[in-house]
Amino acid sequence: MHWQIAGLGPMLGQLGFFGVRSKDKSPLAIDRFVTESDRLLTVMDERLATHTYLAGDDYTIADIACYPWTVAATTHLKDVLAESLATKPAVHRWLQTVGERPAVQKGMAVPKI
C-alpha cells in the first residue's frame, strides 16, 4: 500500500469538520482539505486499478482501516467530494467488494450514530 493512503482518515476528518459540521465555513480550509482528499483518493484509485485490495491481492488491515473513512467520503462528505468521487471507478469497485464481506457488514452496523 502506498504510504500516503495512511493520511486519508485525518484529511477526511478535517474536511468533515470544515466542510460539513462547522457553522462558520472557511473557504480556504475547505479548498485545502478537498484538494488533499482528492489527491489521496486518486492515489487509492490508481492503486486499486491494478490490485483487488489496497495492499495487493489479499484483504488486509489496510482495507479495514480505510474502508469506513472511504464510506464516509461517499456518504457524509458526498456533497463536498462529488467531483472527486465521480472520477474514482476503482475506489467504487473496491467499496463494493469490501462492503460485500459479511464481517464488514456486521462491523459497519455497530457504530450507528
PDB file of N, CA and C in Angstrom:
ATOM      1  N   MET A   1       0.845  -1.173   0.000  1.00  0.00           N
ATOM      2  CA  MET A   1       0.000   0.000   0.000  1.00  0.00           C
ATOM      3  C   MET A   1       0.889   1.235   0.000  1.00  0.00           C
ATOM      4  N   HIS A   2       0.499   2.208  -0.741  1.00  0.00           N
ATOM      5  CA  HIS A   2       1.246   3.454  -0.781  1.00  0.00           C
ATOM      6  C   HIS A   2       1.110   4.140   0.571  1.00  0.00           C
ATOM      7  N   TRP A   3       2.204   4.584   1.130  1.00  0.00           N
ATOM      8  CA  TRP A   3       2.208   5.168   2.478  1.00  0.00           C
ATOM      9  C   TRP A   3       1.296   6.380   2.605  1.00  0.00           C
ATOM     10  N   GLN A   4       1.066   7.098   1.520  1.00  0.00           N
ATOM     11  CA  GLN A   4       0.248   8.312   1.598  1.00  0.00           C
ATOM     12  C   GLN A   4      -1.207   8.017   1.944  1.00  0.00           C
ATOM     13  N   ILE A   5      -1.681   6.828   1.603  1.00  0.00           N
ATOM     14  CA  ILE A   5      -3.073   6.498   1.868  1.00  0.00           C
ATOM     15  C   ILE A   5      -3.354   6.504   3.369  1.00  0.00           C
ATOM     16  N   ALA A   6      -2.325   6.308   4.178  1.00  0.00           N
ATOM     17  CA  ALA A   6      -2.498   6.333   5.632  1.00  0.00           C
ATOM     18  C   ALA A   6      -3.042   7.677   6.113  1.00  0.00           C
ATOM     19  N   GLY A   7      -2.843   8.729   5.361  1.00  0.00           N
ATOM     20  CA  GLY A   7      -3.333  10.054   5.737  1.00  0.00           C
ATOM     21  C   GLY A   7      -4.776  10.320   5.354  1.00  0.00           C
ATOM     22  N   LEU A   8      -5.443   9.342   4.752  1.00  0.00           N
ATOM     23  CA  LEU A   8      -6.813   9.551   4.287  1.00  0.00           C
ATOM     24  C   LEU A   8      -7.765   9.910   5.432  1.00  0.00           C
ATOM     25  N   GLY A   9      -7.712   9.173   6.525  1.00  0.00           N
ATOM     26  CA  GLY A   9      -8.621   9.426   7.644  1.00  0.00           C
ATOM     27  C   GLY A   9      -8.521  10.836   8.191  1.00  0.00           C
ATOM     28  N   PRO A  10      -7.313  11.290   8.530  1.00  0.00           N
ATOM     29  CA  PRO A  10      -7.200  12.663   9.048  1.00  0.00           C
ATOM     30  C   PRO A  10      -7.684  13.728   8.054  1.00  0.00           C
ATOM     31  N   MET A  11      -7.398  13.545   6.775  1.00  0.00           N
ATOM     32  CA  MET A  11      -7.849  14.536   5.785  1.00  0.00           C
ATOM     33  C   MET A  11      -9.364  14.565   5.690  1.00  0.00           C
ATOM     34  N   LEU A  12      -9.970  13.376   5.626  1.00  0.00           N
ATOM     35  CA  LEU A  12     -11.426  13.332   5.537  1.00  0.00           C
ATOM     36  C   LEU A  12     -12.066  13.831   6.830  1.00  0.00           C
ATOM     37  N   GLY A  13     -11.421  13.576   7.953  1.00  0.00           N
ATOM     38  CA  GLY A  13     -11.926  14.088   9.225  1.00  0.00           C
ATOM     39  C   GLY A  13     -11.927  15.612   9.253  1.00  0.00           C
ATOM     40  N   GLN A  14     -10.842  16.212   8.801  1.00  0.00           N
ATOM     41  CA  GLN A  14     -10.771  17.676   8.745  1.00  0.00           C
ATOM     42  C   GLN A  14     -11.794  18.237   7.765  1.00  0.00           C
ATOM     43  N   LEU A  15     -11.930  17.561   6.617  1.00  0.00           N
ATOM     44  CA  LEU A  15     -12.910  18.007   5.635  1.00  0.00           C
ATOM     45  C   LEU A  15     -14.320  17.913   6.216  1.00  0.00           C
ATOM     46  N   GLY A  16     -14.581  16.865   6.964  1.00  0.00           N
ATOM     47  CA  GLY A  16     -15.891  16.727   7.595  1.00  0.00           C
ATOM     48  C   GLY A  16     -16.192  17.868   8.539  1.00  0.00           C
ATOM     49  N   PHE A  17     -15.174  18.280   9.294  1.00  0.00           N
ATOM     50  CA  PHE A  17     -15.394  19.392  10.216  1.00  0.00           C
ATOM     51  C   PHE A  17     -15.610  20.699   9.451  1.00  0.00           C
ATOM     52  N   PHE A  18     -14.654  21.054   8.598  1.00  0.00           N
ATOM     53  CA  PHE A  18     -14.715  22.354   7.921  1.00  0.00           C
ATOM     54  C   PHE A  18     -15.792  22.418   6.845  1.00  0.00           C
ATOM     55  N   GLY A  19     -16.003  21.308   6.136  1.00  0.00           N
ATOM     56  CA  GLY A  19     -16.932  21.328   5.009  1.00  0.00           C
ATOM     57  C   GLY A  19     -18.362  20.992   5.346  1.00  0.00           C
ATOM     58  N   VAL A  20     -18.582  20.320   6.481  1.00  0.00           N
ATOM     59  CA  VAL A  20     -19.934  19.865   6.803  1.00  0.00           C
ATOM     60  C   VAL A  20     -20.399  20.373   8.167  1.00  0.00           C
ATOM     61  N   ARG A  21     -19.617  20.156   9.206  1.00  0.00           N
ATOM     62  CA  ARG A  21     -20.091  20.416  10.567  1.00  0.00           C
ATOM     63  C   ARG A  21     -19.953  21.859  11.045  1.00  0.00           C
ATOM     64  N   SER A  22     -18.927  22.550  10.599  1.00  0.00           N
ATOM     65  CA  SER A  22     -18.676  23.902  11.085  1.00  0.00           C
ATOM     66  C   SER A  22     -19.771  24.871  10.635  1.00  0.00           C
ATOM     67  N   LYS A  23     -20.255  25.668  11.579  1.00  0.00           N
ATOM     68  CA  LYS A  23     -21.237  26.698  11.231  1.00  0.00           C
ATOM     69  C   LYS A  23     -20.589  27.784  10.386  1.00  0.00           C
ATOM     70  N   ASP A  24     -19.374  28.151  10.759  1.00  0.00           N
ATOM     71  CA  ASP A  24     -18.640  29.187  10.026  1.00  0.00           C
ATOM     72  C   ASP A  24     -17.776  28.508   8.977  1.00  0.00           C
ATOM     73  N   LYS A  25     -18.168  28.621   7.725  1.00  0.00           N
ATOM     74  CA  LYS A  25     -17.448  27.972   6.635  1.00  0.00           C
ATOM     75  C   LYS A  25     -16.196  28.773   6.277  1.00  0.00           C
ATOM     76  N   SER A  26     -15.086  28.074   6.194  1.00  0.00           N
ATOM     77  CA  SER A  26     -13.822  28.675   5.804  1.00  0.00           C
ATOM     78  C   SER A  26     -13.465  28.167   4.410  1.00  0.00           C
ATOM     79  N   PRO A  27     -13.696  28.965   3.376  1.00  0.00           N
ATOM     80  CA  PRO A  27     -13.404  28.505   2.014  1.00  0.00           C
ATOM     81  C   PRO A  27     -11.956  28.035   1.845  1.00  0.00           C
ATOM     82  N   LEU A  28     -11.019  28.708   2.498  1.00  0.00           N
ATOM     83  CA  LEU A  28      -9.612  28.313   2.392  1.00  0.00           C
ATOM     84  C   LEU A  28      -9.400  26.908   2.954  1.00  0.00           C
ATOM     85  N   ALA A  29      -9.947  26.641   4.132  1.00  0.00           N
ATOM     86  CA  ALA A  29      -9.798  25.318   4.752  1.00  0.00           C
ATOM     87  C   ALA A  29     -10.519  24.255   3.931  1.00  0.00           C
ATOM     88  N   ILE A  30     -11.722  24.554   3.486  1.00  0.00           N
ATOM     89  CA  ILE A  30     -12.479  23.586   2.694  1.00  0.00           C
ATOM     90  C   ILE A  30     -11.729  23.246   1.417  1.00  0.00           C
ATOM     91  N   ASP A  31     -11.226  24.244   0.729  1.00  0.00           N
ATOM     92  CA  ASP A  31     -10.468  24.007  -0.503  1.00  0.00           C
ATOM     93  C   ASP A  31      -9.223  23.168  -0.226  1.00  0.00           C
ATOM     94  N   ARG A  32      -8.531  23.482   0.835  1.00  0.00           N
ATOM     95  CA  ARG A  32      -7.318  22.731   1.203  1.00  0.00           C
ATOM     96  C   ARG A  32      -7.619  21.257   1.422  1.00  0.00           C
ATOM     97  N   PHE A  33      -8.668  20.959   2.201  1.00  0.00           N
ATOM     98  CA  PHE A  33      -8.965  19.572   2.529  1.00  0.00           C
ATOM     99  C   PHE A  33      -9.669  18.835   1.394  1.00  0.00           C
ATOM    100  N   VAL A  34     -10.417  19.535   0.553  1.00  0.00           N
ATOM    101  CA  VAL A  34     -10.976  18.896  -0.647  1.00  0.00           C
ATOM    102  C   VAL A  34      -9.841  18.512  -1.589  1.00  0.00           C
ATOM    103  N   THR A  35      -8.910  19.420  -1.793  1.00  0.00           N
ATOM    104  CA  THR A  35      -7.777  19.160  -2.684  1.00  0.00           C
ATOM    105  C   THR A  35      -6.936  17.991  -2.193  1.00  0.00           C
ATOM    106  N   GLU A  36      -6.624  17.981  -0.915  1.00  0.00           N
ATOM    107  CA  GLU A  36      -5.795  16.905  -0.366  1.00  0.00           C
ATOM    108  C   GLU A  36      -6.552  15.581  -0.325  1.00  0.00           C
ATOM    109  N   SER A  37      -7.833  15.610  -0.001  1.00  0.00           N
ATOM    110  CA  SER A  37      -8.636  14.382  -0.013  1.00  0.00           C
ATOM    111  C   SER A  37      -8.717  13.819  -1.427  1.00  0.00           C
ATOM    112  N   ASP A  38      -8.899  14.686  -2.406  1.00  0.00           N
ATOM    113  CA  ASP A  38      -8.928  14.241  -3.808  1.00  0.00           C
ATOM    114  C   ASP A  38      -7.596  13.609  -4.195  1.00  0.00           C
ATOM    115  N   ARG A  39      -6.493  14.194  -3.774  1.00  0.00           N
ATOM    116  CA  ARG A  39      -5.178  13.641  -4.099  1.00  0.00           C
ATOM    117  C   ARG A  39      -5.033  12.239  -3.516  1.00  0.00           C
ATOM    118  N   LEU A  40      -5.444  12.064  -2.262  1.00  0.00           N
ATOM    119  CA  LEU A  40      -5.332  10.760  -1.617  1.00  0.00           C
ATOM    120  C   LEU A  40      -6.289   9.742  -2.237  1.00  0.00           C
ATOM    121  N   LEU A  41      -7.490  10.158  -2.582  1.00  0.00           N
ATOM    122  CA  LEU A  41      -8.422   9.261  -3.255  1.00  0.00           C
ATOM    123  C   LEU A  41      -7.899   8.869  -4.639  1.00  0.00           C
ATOM    124  N   THR A  42      -7.177   9.771  -5.280  1.00  0.00           N
ATOM    125  CA  THR A  42      -6.554   9.457  -6.571  1.00  0.00           C
ATOM    126  C   THR A  42      -5.458   8.408  -6.396  1.00  0.00           C
ATOM    127  N   VAL A  43      -4.656   8.543  -5.354  1.00  0.00           N
ATOM    128  CA  VAL A  43      -3.633   7.532  -5.060  1.00  0.00           C
ATOM    129  C   VAL A  43      -4.302   6.179  -4.851  1.00  0.00           C
ATOM    130  N   MET A  44      -5.382   6.168  -4.078  1.00  0.00           N
ATOM    131  CA  MET A  44      -6.122   4.923  -3.853  1.00  0.00           C
ATOM    132  C   MET A  44      -6.653   4.354  -5.160  1.00  0.00           C
ATOM    133  N   ASP A  45      -7.263   5.206  -5.968  1.00  0.00           N
ATOM    134  CA  ASP A  45      -7.862   4.750  -7.216  1.00  0.00           C
ATOM    135  C   ASP A  45      -6.811   4.159  -8.148  1.00  0.00           C
ATOM    136  N   GLU A  46      -5.665   4.803  -8.230  1.00  0.00           N
ATOM    137  CA  GLU A  46      -4.589   4.293  -9.084  1.00  0.00           C
ATOM    138  C   GLU A  46      -4.107   2.935  -8.584  1.00  0.00           C
ATOM    139  N   ARG A  47      -3.976   2.787  -7.293  1.00  0.00           N
ATOM    140  CA  ARG A  47      -3.548   1.509  -6.714  1.00  0.00           C
ATOM    141  C   ARG A  47      -4.595   0.425  -6.969  1.00  0.00           C
ATOM    142  N   LEU A  48      -5.854   0.774  -6.728  1.00  0.00           N
ATOM    143  CA  LEU A  48      -6.937  -0.191  -6.875  1.00  0.00           C
ATOM    144  C   LEU A  48      -7.266  -0.509  -8.324  1.00  0.00           C
ATOM    145  N   ALA A  49      -6.776   0.286  -9.249  1.00  0.00           N
ATOM    146  CA  ALA A  49      -6.973  -0.007 -10.672  1.00  0.00           C
ATOM    147  C   ALA A  49      -6.161  -1.227 -11.094  1.00  0.00           C
ATOM    148  N   THR A  50      -5.121  -1.554 -10.332  1.00  0.00           N
ATOM    149  CA  THR A  50      -4.257  -2.679 -10.687  1.00  0.00           C
ATOM    150  C   THR A  50      -4.220  -3.772  -9.628  1.00  0.00           C
ATOM    151  N   HIS A  51      -4.918  -3.569  -8.511  1.00  0.00           N
ATOM    152  CA  HIS A  51      -4.935  -4.555  -7.425  1.00  0.00           C
ATOM    153  C   HIS A  51      -6.351  -4.669  -6.871  1.00  0.00           C
ATOM    154  N   THR A  52      -6.692  -5.841  -6.401  1.00  0.00           N
ATOM    155  CA  THR A  52      -8.020  -6.055  -5.831  1.00  0.00           C
ATOM    156  C   THR A  52      -8.199  -5.269  -4.544  1.00  0.00           C
ATOM    157  N   TYR A  53      -7.163  -5.272  -3.721  1.00  0.00           N
ATOM    158  CA  TYR A  53      -7.209  -4.600  -2.427  1.00  0.00           C
ATOM    159  C   TYR A  53      -6.036  -3.622  -2.316  1.00  0.00           C
ATOM    160  N   LEU A  54      -6.033  -2.818  -1.280  1.00  0.00           N
ATOM    161  CA  LEU A  54      -5.019  -1.775  -1.148  1.00  0.00           C
ATOM    162  C   LEU A  54      -3.595  -2.302  -1.056  1.00  0.00           C
ATOM    163  N   ALA A  55      -3.409  -3.431  -0.381  1.00  0.00           N
ATOM    164  CA  ALA A  55      -2.056  -3.974  -0.220  1.00  0.00           C
ATOM    165  C   ALA A  55      -1.728  -5.042  -1.260  1.00  0.00           C
ATOM    166  N   GLY A  56      -2.625  -5.291  -2.183  1.00  0.00           N
ATOM    167  CA  GLY A  56      -2.365  -6.292  -3.219  1.00  0.00           C
ATOM    168  C   GLY A  56      -3.591  -7.131  -3.490  1.00  0.00           C
ATOM    169  N   ASP A  57      -3.380  -8.443  -3.583  1.00  0.00           N
ATOM    170  CA  ASP A  57      -4.477  -9.346  -3.920  1.00  0.00           C
ATOM    171  C   ASP A  57      -5.212  -9.902  -2.708  1.00  0.00           C
ATOM    172  N   ASP A  58      -4.710  -9.601  -1.517  1.00  0.00           N
ATOM    173  CA  ASP A  58      -5.331 -10.103  -0.291  1.00  0.00           C
ATOM    174  C   ASP A  58      -5.920  -8.965   0.532  1.00  0.00           C
ATOM    175  N   TYR A  59      -7.030  -9.237   1.162  1.00  0.00           N
ATOM    176  CA  TYR A  59      -7.690  -8.309   2.069  1.00  0.00           C
ATOM    177  C   TYR A  59      -6.835  -8.192   3.332  1.00  0.00           C
ATOM    178  N   THR A  60      -6.494  -6.966   3.737  1.00  0.00           N
ATOM    179  CA  THR A  60      -5.597  -6.759   4.870  1.00  0.00           C
ATOM    180  C   THR A  60      -6.111  -5.642   5.783  1.00  0.00           C
ATOM    181  N   ILE A  61      -5.342  -5.382   6.814  1.00  0.00           N
ATOM    182  CA  ILE A  61      -5.659  -4.304   7.751  1.00  0.00           C
ATOM    183  C   ILE A  61      -5.723  -2.949   7.038  1.00  0.00           C
ATOM    184  N   ALA A  62      -5.028  -2.799   5.936  1.00  0.00           N
ATOM    185  CA  ALA A  62      -5.097  -1.543   5.165  1.00  0.00           C
ATOM    186  C   ALA A  62      -6.522  -1.302   4.682  1.00  0.00           C
ATOM    187  N   ASP A  63      -7.172  -2.337   4.204  1.00  0.00           N
ATOM    188  CA  ASP A  63      -8.557  -2.209   3.739  1.00  0.00           C
ATOM    189  C   ASP A  63      -9.496  -1.952   4.914  1.00  0.00           C
ATOM    190  N   ILE A  64      -9.248  -2.659   6.016  1.00  0.00           N
ATOM    191  CA  ILE A  64     -10.078  -2.489   7.207  1.00  0.00           C
ATOM    192  C   ILE A  64      -9.997  -1.056   7.720  1.00  0.00           C
ATOM    193  N   ALA A  65      -8.800  -0.486   7.711  1.00  0.00           N
ATOM    194  CA  ALA A  65      -8.598   0.873   8.218  1.00  0.00           C
ATOM    195  C   ALA A  65      -9.192   1.937   7.293  1.00  0.00           C
ATOM    196  N   CYS A  66      -9.071   1.738   5.993  1.00  0.00           N
ATOM    197  CA  CYS A  66      -9.504   2.767   5.039  1.00  0.00           C
ATOM    198  C   CYS A  66     -10.973   2.688   4.667  1.00  0.00           C
ATOM    199  N   TYR A  67     -11.567   1.514   4.787  1.00  0.00           N
ATOM    200  CA  TYR A  67     -12.949   1.342   4.334  1.00  0.00           C
ATOM    201  C   TYR A  67     -13.939   2.304   5.003  1.00  0.00           C
ATOM    202  N   PRO A  68     -14.000   2.393   6.338  1.00  0.00           N
ATOM    203  CA  PRO A  68     -15.001   3.290   6.940  1.00  0.00           C
ATOM    204  C   PRO A  68     -14.818   4.754   6.543  1.00  0.00           C
ATOM    205  N   TRP A  69     -13.574   5.192   6.420  1.00  0.00           N
ATOM    206  CA  TRP A  69     -13.327   6.571   6.010  1.00  0.00           C
ATOM    207  C   TRP A  69     -13.798   6.807   4.574  1.00  0.00           C
ATOM    208  N   THR A  70     -13.586   5.818   3.733  1.00  0.00           N
ATOM    209  CA  THR A  70     -13.973   5.967   2.334  1.00  0.00           C
ATOM    210  C   THR A  70     -15.487   5.909   2.195  1.00  0.00           C
ATOM    211  N   VAL A  71     -16.141   5.103   3.003  1.00  0.00           N
ATOM    212  CA  VAL A  71     -17.605   5.100   3.030  1.00  0.00           C
ATOM    213  C   VAL A  71     -18.101   6.490   3.450  1.00  0.00           C
ATOM    214  N   ALA A  72     -17.470   7.059   4.462  1.00  0.00           N
ATOM    215  CA  ALA A  72     -17.856   8.405   4.906  1.00  0.00           C
ATOM    216  C   ALA A  72     -17.673   9.423   3.780  1.00  0.00           C
ATOM    217  N   ALA A  73     -16.628   9.247   2.983  1.00  0.00           N
ATOM    218  CA  ALA A  73     -16.401  10.164   1.854  1.00  0.00           C
ATOM    219  C   ALA A  73     -17.553  10.091   0.852  1.00  0.00           C
ATOM    220  N   THR A  74     -18.138   8.901   0.691  1.00  0.00           N
ATOM    221  CA  THR A  74     -19.208   8.731  -0.293  1.00  0.00           C
ATOM    222  C   THR A  74     -20.595   8.960   0.288  1.00  0.00           C
ATOM    223  N   THR A  75     -20.672   9.181   1.591  1.00  0.00           N
ATOM    224  CA  THR A  75     -21.971   9.421   2.221  1.00  0.00           C
ATOM    225  C   THR A  75     -21.996  10.806   2.868  1.00  0.00           C
ATOM    226  N   HIS A  76     -21.368  10.950   4.006  1.00  0.00           N
ATOM    227  CA  HIS A  76     -21.395  12.217   4.746  1.00  0.00           C
ATOM    228  C   HIS A  76     -20.712  13.360   4.003  1.00  0.00           C
ATOM    229  N   LEU A  77     -19.716  13.044   3.205  1.00  0.00           N
ATOM    230  CA  LEU A  77     -18.949  14.083   2.504  1.00  0.00           C
ATOM    231  C   LEU A  77     -19.251  14.128   1.011  1.00  0.00           C
ATOM    232  N   LYS A  78     -20.294  13.426   0.581  1.00  0.00           N
ATOM    233  CA  LYS A  78     -20.543  13.308  -0.857  1.00  0.00           C
ATOM    234  C   LYS A  78     -20.777  14.654  -1.543  1.00  0.00           C
ATOM    235  N   ASP A  79     -21.354  15.605  -0.839  1.00  0.00           N
ATOM    236  CA  ASP A  79     -21.596  16.904  -1.470  1.00  0.00           C
ATOM    237  C   ASP A  79     -20.297  17.656  -1.742  1.00  0.00           C
ATOM    238  N   VAL A  80     -19.365  17.624  -0.789  1.00  0.00           N
ATOM    239  CA  VAL A  80     -18.120  18.365  -0.979  1.00  0.00           C
ATOM    240  C   VAL A  80     -17.107  17.598  -1.824  1.00  0.00           C
ATOM    241  N   LEU A  81     -17.294  16.275  -1.972  1.00  0.00           N
ATOM    242  CA  LEU A  81     -16.350  15.462  -2.753  1.00  0.00           C
ATOM    243  C   LEU A  81     -16.960  14.905  -4.040  1.00  0.00           C
ATOM    244  N   ALA A  82     -18.112  15.414  -4.440  1.00  0.00           N
ATOM    245  CA  ALA A  82     -18.820  14.862  -5.598  1.00  0.00           C
ATOM    246  C   ALA A  82     -17.955  14.804  -6.852  1.00  0.00           C
ATOM    247  N   GLU A  83     -17.259  15.891  -7.166  1.00  0.00           N
ATOM    248  CA  GLU A  83     -16.423  15.912  -8.379  1.00  0.00           C
ATOM    249  C   GLU A  83     -15.310  14.884  -8.292  1.00  0.00           C
ATOM    250  N   SER A  84     -14.669  14.786  -7.165  1.00  0.00           N
ATOM    251  CA  SER A  84     -13.582  13.836  -6.981  1.00  0.00           C
ATOM    252  C   SER A  84     -14.082  12.399  -7.094  1.00  0.00           C
ATOM    253  N   LEU A  85     -15.162  12.091  -6.405  1.00  0.00           N
ATOM    254  CA  LEU A  85     -15.682  10.727  -6.383  1.00  0.00           C
ATOM    255  C   LEU A  85     -16.179  10.273  -7.754  1.00  0.00           C
ATOM    256  N   ALA A  86     -16.617  11.214  -8.559  1.00  0.00           N
ATOM    257  CA  ALA A  86     -17.103  10.863  -9.894  1.00  0.00           C
ATOM    258  C   ALA A  86     -16.004  10.306 -10.791  1.00  0.00           C
ATOM    259  N   THR A  87     -14.750  10.546 -10.420  1.00  0.00           N
ATOM    260  CA  THR A  87     -13.631  10.117 -11.265  1.00  0.00           C
ATOM    261  C   THR A  87     -12.810   8.998 -10.622  1.00  0.00           C
ATOM    262  N   LYS A  88     -13.433   8.226  -9.733  1.00  0.00           N
ATOM    263  CA  LYS A  88     -12.696   7.183  -8.997  1.00  0.00           C
ATOM    264  C   LYS A  88     -13.383   5.819  -9.137  1.00  0.00           C
ATOM    265  N   PRO A  89     -13.439   5.240 -10.337  1.00  0.00           N
ATOM    266  CA  PRO A  89     -14.151   3.969 -10.517  1.00  0.00           C
ATOM    267  C   PRO A  89     -13.553   2.804  -9.730  1.00  0.00           C
ATOM    268  N   ALA A  90     -12.257   2.767  -9.585  1.00  0.00           N
ATOM    269  CA  ALA A  90     -11.636   1.654  -8.855  1.00  0.00           C
ATOM    270  C   ALA A  90     -11.955   1.741  -7.365  1.00  0.00           C
ATOM    271  N   VAL A  91     -12.064   2.947  -6.836  1.00  0.00           N
ATOM    272  CA  VAL A  91     -12.453   3.114  -5.429  1.00  0.00           C
ATOM    273  C   VAL A  91     -13.873   2.591  -5.235  1.00  0.00           C
ATOM    274  N   HIS A  92     -14.772   2.914  -6.152  1.00  0.00           N
ATOM    275  CA  HIS A  92     -16.153   2.444  -6.043  1.00  0.00           C
ATOM    276  C   HIS A  92     -16.231   0.917  -6.155  1.00  0.00           C
ATOM    277  N   ARG A  93     -15.426   0.332  -7.029  1.00  0.00           N
ATOM    278  CA  ARG A  93     -15.382  -1.129  -7.160  1.00  0.00           C
ATOM    279  C   ARG A  93     -14.899  -1.755  -5.853  1.00  0.00           C
ATOM    280  N   TRP A  94     -13.838  -1.172  -5.283  1.00  0.00           N
ATOM    281  CA  TRP A  94     -13.284  -1.652  -4.013  1.00  0.00           C
ATOM    282  C   TRP A  94     -14.305  -1.523  -2.887  1.00  0.00           C
ATOM    283  N   LEU A  95     -15.012  -0.396  -2.819  1.00  0.00           N
ATOM    284  CA  LEU A  95     -16.042  -0.214  -1.795  1.00  0.00           C
ATOM    285  C   LEU A  95     -17.096  -1.312  -1.883  1.00  0.00           C
ATOM    286  N   GLN A  96     -17.497  -1.655  -3.089  1.00  0.00           N
ATOM    287  CA  GLN A  96     -18.490  -2.707  -3.264  1.00  0.00           C
ATOM    288  C   GLN A  96     -17.927  -4.058  -2.846  1.00  0.00           C
ATOM    289  N   THR A  97     -16.699  -4.358  -3.287  1.00  0.00           N
ATOM    290  CA  THR A  97     -16.065  -5.641  -2.963  1.00  0.00           C
ATOM    291  C   THR A  97     -15.901  -5.806  -1.454  1.00  0.00           C
ATOM    292  N   VAL A  98     -15.348  -4.802  -0.804  1.00  0.00           N
ATOM    293  CA  VAL A  98     -15.135  -4.881   0.643  1.00  0.00           C
ATOM    294  C   VAL A  98     -16.482  -4.865   1.368  1.00  0.00           C
ATOM    295  N   GLY A  99     -17.396  -4.042   0.909  1.00  0.00           N
ATOM    296  CA  GLY A  99     -18.700  -3.923   1.553  1.00  0.00           C
ATOM    297  C   GLY A  99     -19.551  -5.171   1.480  1.00  0.00           C
ATOM    298  N   GLU A 100     -19.248  -6.070   0.557  1.00  0.00           N
ATOM    299  CA  GLU A 100     -19.986  -7.328   0.439  1.00  0.00           C
ATOM    300  C   GLU A 100     -19.521  -8.381   1.441  1.00  0.00           C
ATOM    301  N   ARG A 101     -18.416  -8.136   2.103  1.00  0.00           N
ATOM    302  CA  ARG A 101     -17.900  -9.097   3.082  1.00  0.00           C
ATOM    303  C   ARG A 101     -18.821  -9.108   4.311  1.00  0.00           C
ATOM    304  N   PRO A 102     -19.303 -10.293   4.726  1.00  0.00           N
ATOM    305  CA  PRO A 102     -20.215 -10.359   5.879  1.00  0.00           C
ATOM    306  C   PRO A 102     -19.646  -9.717   7.152  1.00  0.00           C
ATOM    307  N   ALA A 103     -18.380  -9.918   7.426  1.00  0.00           N
ATOM    308  CA  ALA A 103     -17.792  -9.342   8.638  1.00  0.00           C
ATOM    309  C   ALA A 103     -17.773  -7.813   8.557  1.00  0.00           C
ATOM    310  N   VAL A 104     -17.549  -7.275   7.373  1.00  0.00           N
ATOM    311  CA  VAL A 104     -17.551  -5.820   7.192  1.00  0.00           C
ATOM    312  C   VAL A 104     -18.951  -5.286   7.412  1.00  0.00           C
ATOM    313  N   GLN A 105     -19.938  -5.968   6.851  1.00  0.00           N
ATOM    314  CA  GLN A 105     -21.325  -5.539   7.038  1.00  0.00           C
ATOM    315  C   GLN A 105     -21.693  -5.535   8.522  1.00  0.00           C
ATOM    316  N   LYS A 106     -21.283  -6.564   9.214  1.00  0.00           N
ATOM    317  CA  LYS A 106     -21.580  -6.647  10.650  1.00  0.00           C
ATOM    318  C   LYS A 106     -20.862  -5.528  11.413  1.00  0.00           C
ATOM    319  N   GLY A 107     -19.597  -5.301  11.093  1.00  0.00           N
ATOM    320  CA  GLY A 107     -18.842  -4.247  11.761  1.00  0.00           C
ATOM    321  C   GLY A 107     -19.376  -2.857  11.473  1.00  0.00           C
ATOM    322  N   MET A 108     -19.776  -2.611  10.248  1.00  0.00           N
ATOM    323  CA  MET A 108     -20.280  -1.289   9.883  1.00  0.00           C
ATOM    324  C   MET A 108     -21.642  -1.020  10.499  1.00  0.00           C
ATOM    325  N   ALA A 109     -22.363  -2.056  10.900  1.00  0.00           N
ATOM    326  CA  ALA A 109     -23.665  -1.873  11.519  1.00  0.00           C
ATOM    327  C   ALA A 109     -23.560  -1.474  12.993  1.00  0.00           C
ATOM    328  N   VAL A 110     -22.381  -1.628  13.583  1.00  0.00           N
ATOM    329  CA  VAL A 110     -22.205  -1.343  15.016  1.00  0.00           C
ATOM    330  C   VAL A 110     -22.273   0.151  15.339  1.00  0.00           C
ATOM    331  N   PRO A 111     -21.505   1.005  14.654  1.00  0.00           N
ATOM    332  CA  PRO A 111     -21.422   2.417  15.115  1.00  0.00           C
ATOM    333  C   PRO A 111     -22.521   3.334  14.583  1.00  0.00           C
ATOM    334  N   LYS A 112     -23.742   2.931  14.671  1.00  0.00           N
ATOM    335  CA  LYS A 112     -24.828   3.801  14.202  1.00  0.00           C
ATOM    336  C   LYS A 112     -24.958   4.979  15.157  1.00  0.00           C
ATOM    337  N   ILE A 113     -24.588   6.155  14.642  1.00  0.00           N
ATOM    338  CA  ILE A 113     -24.605   7.370  15.475  1.00  0.00           C
ATOM    339  C   ILE A 113     -25.714   8.270  15.015  1.00  0.00           C
TER     340      ILE A 113
END
